[in-house]
């Protein structure tokens, strides 16, 4: 195994971990905070989500010998960030996270469940993802109108990175965000000045389970995780010539997610963006040794987990609008991709349109969020139109 270690694989693993973490940590914090987490609870959730990424990023490639890249559920965190807080607060949200992780484990154990999820028409799944992402993607524009002097440097840095290399956009934006905090935000009462402030202090939350949290949060979170992360992640590996056994990988990420969900961790899953980085030629000429890139990224994630208190403290210094603006910038490519894929079937435009609009609206019906109803309405319209088309033919 150690004979396969190479400089290109290690360097690409380091880059992938930096890009993956810097592009989405703000989304995770925004999601946890929106669900009612205190600062300590958000730190705990971020720590275990990062630790889960690290463990899976080492475990899966070591077992399979493929660059099986793992990430936390970025679209899932975006969904949480735009969902109304549950009546039971963060305790009920933790219950929903456990529900979701349980569904992922079940999918890894029961192939039929995976086939049911895969049977959801791709335009419907992509419309759901786009609807979940839309509200957070509006945050940069809204922040530009309310705090322009703080947001403009971040936008300029993001654009500079984008024009140089697409993968550099978010790292540049995060660096600009830190600079803005240093020069433009009052840090006199910074929690970083407290003794031991850099070390994670765990705040445990007793989970609270309800039917509402299952349908309103857990089920949509599961669907966007599967459709927005796992399925594309597998596809990237297969496109790069790797043979993938999906069920064991889903089962392993689900088990880690289930173990850490009681601490407020969002699910971990297969990654498409970092997989594309680590499965290509830049990670080494020999495809059989590129799995070391994923293992390297896992080691980095574990180290980054212990920076959770520092990251949360830095984020707490910034206005909420600035944090959500950074998170929204990271999701723009995913929004564009999902919108494009949602309307690829000319005879089926209404179903994804209604799914998108209902999911993006923020509505609730019988206490259940619009993300769930968007899929139901979209599926009904899709089936009805498909039947009508067959009858006419």
Protein backbone atom coordinates (compact mmCIF):
# COMPACT_ATOMS: atom_id res chain seq x y z
CA UNK A 1 0.00 0.00 0.00
CA UNK A 2 2.71 2.51 0.97
CA UNK A 3 4.57 1.65 -2.24
CA UNK A 4 1.71 3.33 -4.12
CA UNK A 5 2.33 6.65 -2.36
CA UNK A 6 3.31 9.41 -4.80
CA UNK A 7 3.95 13.14 -4.73
CA UNK A 8 1.18 13.97 -7.29
CA UNK A 9 -1.39 12.04 -5.26
CA UNK A 10 -0.43 13.70 -1.99
CA UNK A 11 -0.36 17.20 -3.50
CA UNK A 12 -3.75 16.71 -5.16
CA UNK A 13 -5.19 15.36 -1.91
CA UNK A 14 -3.99 18.45 -0.06
CA UNK A 15 -5.50 20.73 -2.71
CA UNK A 16 -8.79 18.82 -2.77
CA UNK A 17 -9.15 19.03 1.01
CA UNK A 18 -8.47 22.76 1.01
CA UNK A 19 -10.93 23.39 -1.83
CA UNK A 20 -13.58 21.10 -0.36
CA UNK A 21 -13.42 22.59 3.13
CA UNK A 22 -13.04 26.25 2.23
CA UNK A 23 -15.86 26.07 -0.30
CA UNK A 24 -18.48 24.77 2.09
CA UNK A 25 -17.72 25.22 5.81
CA UNK A 26 -19.79 28.43 5.83
CA UNK A 27 -22.76 26.50 4.41
CA UNK A 28 -22.52 23.92 7.18
CA UNK A 29 -22.38 26.59 9.87
CA UNK A 30 -25.29 28.45 8.27
CA UNK A 31 -27.34 25.24 8.20
CA UNK A 32 -26.68 24.34 11.82
CA UNK A 33 -27.32 27.88 13.02
CA UNK A 34 -30.58 28.13 11.05
CA UNK A 35 -31.82 24.97 12.77
CA UNK A 36 -31.34 26.58 16.18
CA UNK A 37 -27.83 25.48 17.16
CA UNK A 38 -25.96 27.60 19.68
CA UNK A 39 -22.35 28.51 18.99
CA UNK A 40 -21.12 25.52 21.00
CA UNK A 41 -23.57 23.16 19.28
CA UNK A 42 -22.52 24.46 15.85
CA UNK A 43 -18.87 23.90 16.78
CA UNK A 44 -19.66 20.35 17.87
CA UNK A 45 -21.59 19.65 14.67
CA UNK A 46 -18.82 21.08 12.48
CA UNK A 47 -16.19 19.04 14.35
CA UNK A 48 -17.98 15.73 13.89
CA UNK A 49 -19.00 16.45 10.29
CA UNK A 50 -15.36 17.17 9.43
CA UNK A 51 -14.17 14.16 11.41
CA UNK A 52 -16.69 11.99 9.56
CA UNK A 53 -15.36 13.21 6.23
CA UNK A 54 -11.84 12.42 7.33
CA UNK A 55 -12.59 8.92 8.60
CA UNK A 56 -14.52 7.95 5.44
CA UNK A 57 -11.93 9.54 3.17
CA UNK A 58 -9.29 7.25 4.69
CA UNK A 59 -11.43 4.15 5.21
CA UNK A 60 -13.12 3.89 1.79
CA UNK A 61 -10.05 4.41 -0.43
CA UNK A 62 -7.94 2.10 1.77
CA UNK A 63 -10.50 -0.69 1.36
CA UNK A 64 -11.43 -0.18 -2.30
CA UNK A 65 -8.12 1.16 -3.70
CA UNK A 66 -10.02 3.79 -5.68
CA UNK A 67 -10.07 7.58 -5.10
CA UNK A 68 -13.42 7.44 -3.33
CA UNK A 69 -13.73 11.08 -2.33
CA UNK A 70 -16.06 11.83 0.60
CA UNK A 71 -17.62 15.14 1.60
CA UNK A 72 -20.31 16.36 3.93
CA UNK A 73 -23.72 16.95 2.36
CA UNK A 74 -23.30 20.50 1.05
CA UNK A 75 -26.78 20.65 -0.56
CA UNK A 76 -28.15 19.11 2.62
CA UNK A 77 -26.60 21.89 4.69
CA UNK A 78 -28.00 24.43 2.23
CA UNK A 79 -31.43 22.87 2.69
CA UNK A 80 -31.13 23.20 6.47
CA UNK A 81 -30.02 26.82 6.09
CA UNK A 82 -33.22 27.71 4.23
CA UNK A 83 -35.68 25.61 6.24
CA UNK A 84 -37.84 27.02 9.01
CA UNK A 85 -36.65 26.05 12.48
CA UNK A 86 -38.52 23.07 13.89
CA UNK A 87 -40.84 23.55 16.90
CA UNK A 88 -38.51 21.44 19.03
CA UNK A 89 -35.48 23.53 18.11
CA UNK A 90 -32.07 22.00 17.54
CA UNK A 91 -32.98 18.88 19.54
CA UNK A 92 -35.64 18.06 16.98
CA UNK A 93 -33.18 18.86 14.18
CA UNK A 94 -30.72 16.34 15.68
CA UNK A 95 -33.50 13.77 15.64
CA UNK A 96 -34.01 14.53 11.93
CA UNK A 97 -30.28 14.10 11.27
CA UNK A 98 -30.42 10.66 12.92
CA UNK A 99 -33.48 9.76 10.83
CA UNK A 100 -31.63 10.81 7.65
CA UNK A 101 -28.49 8.84 8.51
CA UNK A 102 -30.66 5.82 9.24
CA UNK A 103 -32.22 6.10 5.77
CA UNK A 104 -28.74 6.19 4.20
CA UNK A 105 -27.72 3.05 6.10
CA UNK A 106 -30.97 1.38 5.03
CA UNK A 107 -30.23 2.29 1.41
CA UNK A 108 -26.86 0.60 1.73
CA UNK A 109 -28.50 -2.53 3.12
CA UNK A 110 -31.57 -2.70 0.86
CA UNK A 111 -30.72 -2.30 -2.85
CA UNK A 112 -34.41 -1.82 -3.71
CA UNK A 113 -34.48 1.45 -1.75
CA UNK A 114 -31.55 2.75 -3.78
CA UNK A 115 -33.38 1.81 -6.96
CA UNK A 116 -36.47 3.71 -5.80
CA UNK A 117 -34.41 6.86 -5.23
CA UNK A 118 -32.68 6.39 -8.60
CA UNK A 119 -36.11 5.99 -10.22
CA UNK A 120 -37.05 9.59 -9.34
CA UNK A 121 -36.86 11.38 -12.71
CA UNK A 122 -33.59 13.26 -12.92
CA UNK A 123 -35.29 16.56 -13.85
CA UNK A 124 -37.42 16.29 -10.68
CA UNK A 125 -34.38 15.53 -8.52
CA UNK A 126 -32.43 18.42 -10.04
CA UNK A 127 -35.37 20.79 -9.68
CA UNK A 128 -35.59 19.85 -5.99
CA UNK A 129 -31.88 20.54 -5.59
CA UNK A 130 -32.19 23.90 -7.39
CA UNK A 131 -35.15 24.92 -5.25
CA UNK A 132 -33.24 24.06 -2.08
CA UNK A 133 -30.22 26.08 -3.21
CA UNK A 134 -31.98 29.16 -4.61
CA UNK A 135 -32.61 31.07 -1.38
CA UNK A 136 -29.02 30.78 -0.21
CA UNK A 137 -27.73 31.70 -3.68
CA UNK A 138 -29.66 34.98 -3.41
CA UNK A 139 -27.69 35.87 -0.26
CA UNK A 140 -24.70 37.50 -2.04
CA UNK A 141 -27.03 39.93 -3.88
CA UNK A 142 -29.00 40.71 -0.72
CA UNK A 143 -25.80 41.26 1.27
CA UNK A 144 -24.44 43.52 -1.45
CA UNK A 145 -27.47 45.74 -0.93
CA UNK A 146 -27.18 45.82 2.87
CA UNK A 147 -23.41 45.67 3.61
CA UNK A 148 -21.71 46.55 0.29
CA UNK A 149 -18.34 47.56 1.76
CA UNK A 150 -17.96 44.15 3.42
CA UNK A 151 -19.26 42.06 0.55
CA UNK A 152 -17.56 43.77 -2.40
CA UNK A 153 -14.01 42.60 -1.53
CA UNK A 154 -15.29 39.03 -1.24
CA UNK A 155 -17.10 39.25 -4.59
CA UNK A 156 -14.04 40.73 -6.30
CA UNK A 157 -11.77 38.01 -4.89
CA UNK A 158 -14.29 35.33 -5.95
CA UNK A 159 -14.39 36.74 -9.49
CA UNK A 160 -10.58 36.93 -9.64
CA UNK A 161 -10.32 33.29 -8.61
CA UNK A 162 -13.05 32.28 -11.05
CA UNK A 163 -11.30 33.91 -14.02
CA UNK A 164 -8.00 32.25 -13.09
CA UNK A 165 -9.25 28.78 -12.20
CA UNK A 166 -12.78 27.72 -11.28
CA UNK A 167 -11.52 25.77 -8.27
CA UNK A 168 -9.74 28.86 -6.94
CA UNK A 169 -12.91 30.96 -6.70
CA UNK A 170 -14.00 29.94 -3.20
CA UNK A 171 -10.51 29.75 -1.62
CA UNK A 172 -9.93 33.33 -2.85
CA UNK A 173 -13.32 34.38 -1.46
CA UNK A 174 -12.56 32.82 1.93
CA UNK A 175 -9.19 34.57 2.10
CA UNK A 176 -10.90 37.89 1.29
CA UNK A 177 -13.51 37.13 3.96
CA UNK A 178 -10.77 36.69 6.58
CA UNK A 179 -9.11 39.93 5.46
CA UNK A 180 -12.44 41.77 5.74
CA UNK A 181 -12.90 40.41 9.26
CA UNK A 182 -9.44 41.62 10.25
CA UNK A 183 -9.77 45.15 8.87
CA UNK A 184 -13.47 45.95 8.95
CA UNK A 185 -15.04 44.06 11.87
CA UNK A 186 -14.62 44.86 15.56
CA UNK A 187 -12.78 41.92 17.14
CA UNK A 188 -12.33 43.43 20.61
CA UNK A 189 -14.77 40.92 22.10
CA UNK A 190 -13.49 38.03 20.00
CA UNK A 191 -13.95 34.57 21.52
CA UNK A 192 -10.53 33.76 20.07
CA UNK A 193 -9.05 35.64 22.98
CA UNK A 194 -10.46 33.17 25.47
CA UNK A 195 -8.15 30.52 26.92
CA UNK A 196 -8.62 27.23 25.14
CA UNK A 197 -10.86 28.91 22.55
CA UNK A 198 -9.13 27.07 19.75
CA UNK A 199 -9.90 23.61 21.12
CA UNK A 200 -13.30 22.00 20.52
CA UNK A 201 -15.59 21.89 23.53
CA UNK A 202 -18.44 19.50 22.90
CA UNK A 203 -22.03 20.56 23.56
CA UNK A 204 -24.23 17.46 23.48
CA UNK A 205 -27.92 17.66 22.53
CA UNK A 206 -30.52 15.06 23.46
CA UNK A 207 -32.37 14.22 20.22
CA UNK A 208 -36.10 14.70 19.92
CA UNK A 209 -37.92 12.53 17.35
CA UNK A 210 -41.16 13.57 15.64
CA UNK A 211 -43.09 12.57 12.54
CA UNK A 212 -42.96 16.18 11.37
CA UNK A 213 -39.16 16.30 11.48
CA UNK A 214 -38.98 13.05 9.48
CA UNK A 215 -41.09 14.31 6.57
CA UNK A 216 -40.18 18.00 6.79
CA UNK A 217 -36.40 17.69 7.26
CA UNK A 218 -35.04 14.12 7.28
CA UNK A 219 -36.63 12.87 4.05
CA UNK A 220 -35.80 15.95 1.92
CA UNK A 221 -32.29 15.98 3.43
CA UNK A 222 -31.91 12.32 2.43
CA UNK A 223 -33.16 12.97 -1.10
CA UNK A 224 -30.89 15.95 -1.79
CA UNK A 225 -27.94 14.05 -0.31
CA UNK A 226 -28.56 11.07 -2.57
CA UNK A 227 -29.47 13.04 -5.69
CA UNK A 228 -27.07 15.94 -5.22
CA UNK A 229 -24.02 14.13 -3.85
CA UNK A 230 -23.97 10.32 -3.87
CA UNK A 231 -25.26 9.68 -7.39
CA UNK A 232 -23.02 12.32 -9.06
CA UNK A 233 -20.06 11.16 -6.94
CA UNK A 234 -20.42 7.60 -8.17
CA UNK A 235 -20.84 8.82 -11.74
CA UNK A 236 -17.55 10.76 -11.64
CA UNK A 237 -15.63 7.71 -10.46
CA UNK A 238 -17.21 5.52 -13.14
CA UNK A 239 -16.52 8.09 -15.87
CA UNK A 240 -12.85 7.94 -14.86
CA UNK A 241 -12.79 4.19 -15.38
CA UNK A 242 -13.16 2.97 -11.78
CA UNK A 243 -15.38 0.03 -10.91
CA UNK A 244 -17.68 1.09 -8.07
CA UNK A 245 -19.76 -1.11 -5.77
CA UNK A 246 -22.29 1.44 -4.64
CA UNK A 247 -24.08 -0.40 -1.81
CA UNK A 248 -21.02 -0.96 0.44
CA UNK A 249 -19.89 2.66 0.00
CA UNK A 250 -23.34 4.02 0.83
CA UNK A 251 -23.52 1.69 3.83
CA UNK A 252 -20.15 2.83 5.20
CA UNK A 253 -20.85 6.55 4.81
CA UNK A 254 -24.28 5.96 6.33
CA UNK A 255 -22.84 4.19 9.37
CA UNK A 256 -20.38 7.01 10.04
CA UNK A 257 -23.17 9.55 9.54
CA UNK A 258 -25.37 7.63 11.98
CA UNK A 259 -22.58 7.45 14.57
CA UNK A 260 -22.00 11.21 14.47
CA UNK A 261 -25.55 12.48 13.85
CA UNK A 262 -26.37 12.55 17.62
CA UNK A 263 -23.66 15.25 17.91
CA UNK A 264 -25.37 17.47 15.33
CA UNK A 265 -23.30 16.33 12.35
CA UNK A 266 -24.84 16.56 8.89
CA UNK A 267 -24.50 13.42 6.72
CA UNK A 268 -21.31 12.54 4.87
CA UNK A 269 -21.49 11.14 1.36
CA UNK A 270 -19.63 10.65 -1.90
CA UNK A 271 -18.25 13.81 -3.49
CA UNK A 272 -18.29 14.73 -7.16
CA UNK A 273 -16.08 17.85 -7.24
CA UNK A 274 -13.16 16.55 -5.22
CA UNK A 275 -13.53 13.11 -6.85
CA UNK A 276 -13.04 14.76 -10.24
CA UNK A 277 -9.83 16.32 -8.91
CA UNK A 278 -8.44 13.14 -7.37
CA UNK A 279 -9.51 10.65 -10.06
CA UNK A 280 -7.77 12.47 -12.91
CA UNK A 281 -4.25 12.51 -14.31
CA UNK A 282 -3.16 15.32 -11.97
CA UNK A 283 -3.28 12.82 -9.09
CA UNK A 284 -0.74 10.55 -10.80
CA UNK A 285 -0.20 8.77 -14.09
CA UNK A 286 -1.15 5.40 -12.67
CA UNK A 287 -4.92 5.23 -11.93
CA UNK A 288 -4.29 2.38 -9.48
CA UNK A 289 -2.34 4.64 -7.09
CA UNK A 290 -4.60 7.70 -7.08
CA UNK A 291 -6.48 6.44 -4.03
CA UNK A 292 -3.67 7.99 -1.98
CA UNK A 293 -5.03 11.42 -2.94
CA UNK A 294 -8.29 10.61 -1.16
CA UNK A 295 -6.46 9.19 1.86
CA UNK A 296 -4.35 12.37 2.05
CA UNK A 297 -7.49 14.51 1.97
CA UNK A 298 -8.90 12.43 4.82
CA UNK A 299 -5.85 13.07 6.98
CA UNK A 300 -6.18 16.80 6.33
CA UNK A 301 -9.90 16.73 7.20
CA UNK A 302 -9.17 15.09 10.54
CA UNK A 303 -6.64 17.82 11.32
CA UNK A 304 -9.14 20.49 10.24
CA UNK A 305 -11.74 19.00 12.57
CA UNK A 306 -9.72 20.26 15.53
CA UNK A 307 -9.93 23.78 14.09
CA UNK A 308 -13.74 23.73 14.42
CA UNK A 309 -13.75 26.07 17.43
CA UNK A 310 -11.45 28.51 15.66
CA UNK A 311 -13.52 28.43 12.46
CA UNK A 312 -16.79 28.91 14.36
CA UNK A 313 -15.30 31.77 16.37
CA UNK A 314 -14.08 33.51 13.21
CA UNK A 315 -17.50 33.12 11.63
CA UNK A 316 -19.21 34.51 14.74
CA UNK A 317 -17.32 37.78 14.29
CA UNK A 318 -18.95 38.44 10.93
CA UNK A 319 -22.44 39.76 10.24
CA UNK A 320 -24.81 36.92 9.39
CA UNK A 321 -25.43 38.44 5.95
CA UNK A 322 -21.73 38.17 5.15
CA UNK A 323 -21.57 34.51 6.21
CA UNK A 324 -24.59 33.60 4.09
CA UNK A 325 -23.14 35.58 1.18
CA UNK A 326 -19.98 33.47 1.27
CA UNK A 327 -22.10 30.32 1.50
CA UNK A 328 -24.24 31.44 -1.43
CA UNK A 329 -21.22 32.05 -3.67
CA UNK A 330 -20.08 28.48 -3.09
CA UNK A 331 -23.43 27.12 -4.26
CA UNK A 332 -23.79 29.07 -7.52
CA UNK A 333 -22.15 26.35 -9.69
CA UNK A 334 -24.43 23.71 -8.17
CA UNK A 335 -27.49 25.91 -8.76
CA UNK A 336 -26.57 26.49 -12.41
CA UNK A 337 -25.91 22.79 -12.98
CA UNK A 338 -29.14 21.65 -11.34
CA UNK A 339 -31.28 24.24 -13.17
CA UNK A 340 -29.75 23.23 -16.50
CA UNK A 341 -30.41 19.55 -15.82
CA UNK A 342 -33.94 20.17 -14.57
CA UNK A 343 -35.25 21.35 -17.94
CA UNK A 344 -33.62 18.95 -20.38
CA UNK A 345 -36.86 17.16 -21.33
CA UNK A 346 -38.96 19.47 -23.58
CA UNK A 347 -42.15 17.47 -23.05
CA UNK A 348 -41.80 17.57 -19.26
CA UNK A 349 -41.24 21.18 -18.22
CA UNK A 350 -44.15 21.76 -15.85
CA UNK A 351 -43.21 18.99 -13.38
CA UNK A 352 -39.68 20.25 -12.63
CA UNK A 353 -40.93 23.85 -12.70
CA UNK A 354 -43.50 23.15 -9.97
CA UNK A 355 -40.99 21.10 -7.98
CA UNK A 356 -38.52 23.98 -8.16
CA UNK A 357 -41.04 26.68 -7.25
CA UNK A 358 -42.60 24.80 -4.34
CA UNK A 359 -39.21 23.78 -2.91
CA UNK A 360 -37.87 27.32 -3.25
CA UNK A 361 -40.99 28.98 -1.82
CA UNK A 362 -40.35 28.05 1.78
CA UNK A 363 -43.98 27.02 2.20
CA UNK A 364 -45.19 24.45 4.70
CA UNK A 365 -48.32 22.31 4.58
CA UNK A 366 -49.47 20.29 7.62
CA UNK A 367 -46.16 21.28 9.22
CA UNK A 368 -44.15 19.63 6.41
CA UNK A 369 -41.70 21.65 4.32
CA UNK A 370 -42.08 22.57 0.66
CA UNK A 371 -39.14 20.39 -0.37
CA UNK A 372 -41.20 17.28 0.36
CA UNK A 373 -44.35 18.61 -1.33
CA UNK A 374 -42.35 19.78 -4.32
CA UNK A 375 -41.22 16.22 -5.06
CA UNK A 376 -44.75 14.86 -4.56
CA UNK A 377 -46.40 17.43 -6.85
CA UNK A 378 -43.64 17.14 -9.45
CA UNK A 379 -43.87 13.35 -9.50
CA UNK A 380 -47.67 13.43 -9.90
CA UNK A 381 -47.45 15.87 -12.82
CA UNK A 382 -44.63 13.88 -14.41
CA UNK A 383 -46.57 10.60 -14.26
CA UNK A 384 -49.82 12.23 -15.44
CA UNK A 385 -48.14 13.80 -18.47
CA UNK A 386 -46.28 10.58 -19.28
CA UNK A 387 -49.59 8.63 -19.24
CA UNK A 388 -51.31 11.27 -21.38
CA UNK A 389 -48.44 11.17 -23.88
CA UNK A 390 -48.71 7.38 -24.19
CA UNK A 391 -52.49 7.54 -24.70
CA UNK A 392 -52.10 10.11 -27.47
CA UNK A 393 -49.44 7.96 -29.11
